[in-house]
Amino acid sequence: MIRQLSSLIIIFVSLASFHAKAASILILGDSLSAGYNMSADLSWPTMLSDKLSGDSTDFTVINGSVSGDTTGNGLAKLPGLLTEHQPDYVLIELGANDGLRGFQPNIIQRNLSTLITKSQDAGAEVFLMQIRVPPNYGKRYSSMFENIYPTLAEEHKVPLIPFFLEQVIIKPEWMMEDGLHPKAEAQPFIAEIVAESLQPYL
């Protein structure tokens, strides 16, 4: 009886340990990930954990996104976030504010490259989200900006995650009046498509 009980305890502890496996994802982004003009609990990163967590792994999402952040802002705060949270994964969603302000593409590329390298050096696996900007500065600039992301993904051998805004902006009722930011109603959909994009790499 005692031997059977001991065996059951071992099995239970093993199952509990298996279920308790956890991983963390740091999202380093701007207003598109920060929940612009809404409560933080309505933003898609808050919903991402439930979309990703399953029987074998529970995912904790740390949202390090701040509205208005550029790649330079991301560089300034990334070391602190890596030290504090020691994430298993880092999703970089930055560059839109750089592009909207007309920053030089080579500077944006260099900053993003450094963000990727610093995250990898800290032991995290990196995802880079493709970002696109309106042709405010002409098609040549927009094209150069867009090409930064696949170039870096190939160079650093990291997954390039599709730009979720392109699947939201086609539904005007989901966009705020500025035409740049998704409403709260769009956040569950964004969480779903981001989860689908990340899942094969987790």
Foldseek 3Di string as FASTA:
>chain_A
DVVVVVVVVVVVVVLVVQQAAEFEEEEEAACQQCQPPDDSCLAQQVVLQVLQDDRRYGYHYHYPYYHPDALVNSVVCVVVVCVVPVGQEYEYHHHANCVVVPHDLVVSLVSVLVSCVVCVVSNHAYEYEQDFYPQPVHPVSRVSNRVSQVVSCVVVVHHYFYDLVVVVLVDVVQDDPVSPYGHSVCSNVSSNSRSVRCNVPD
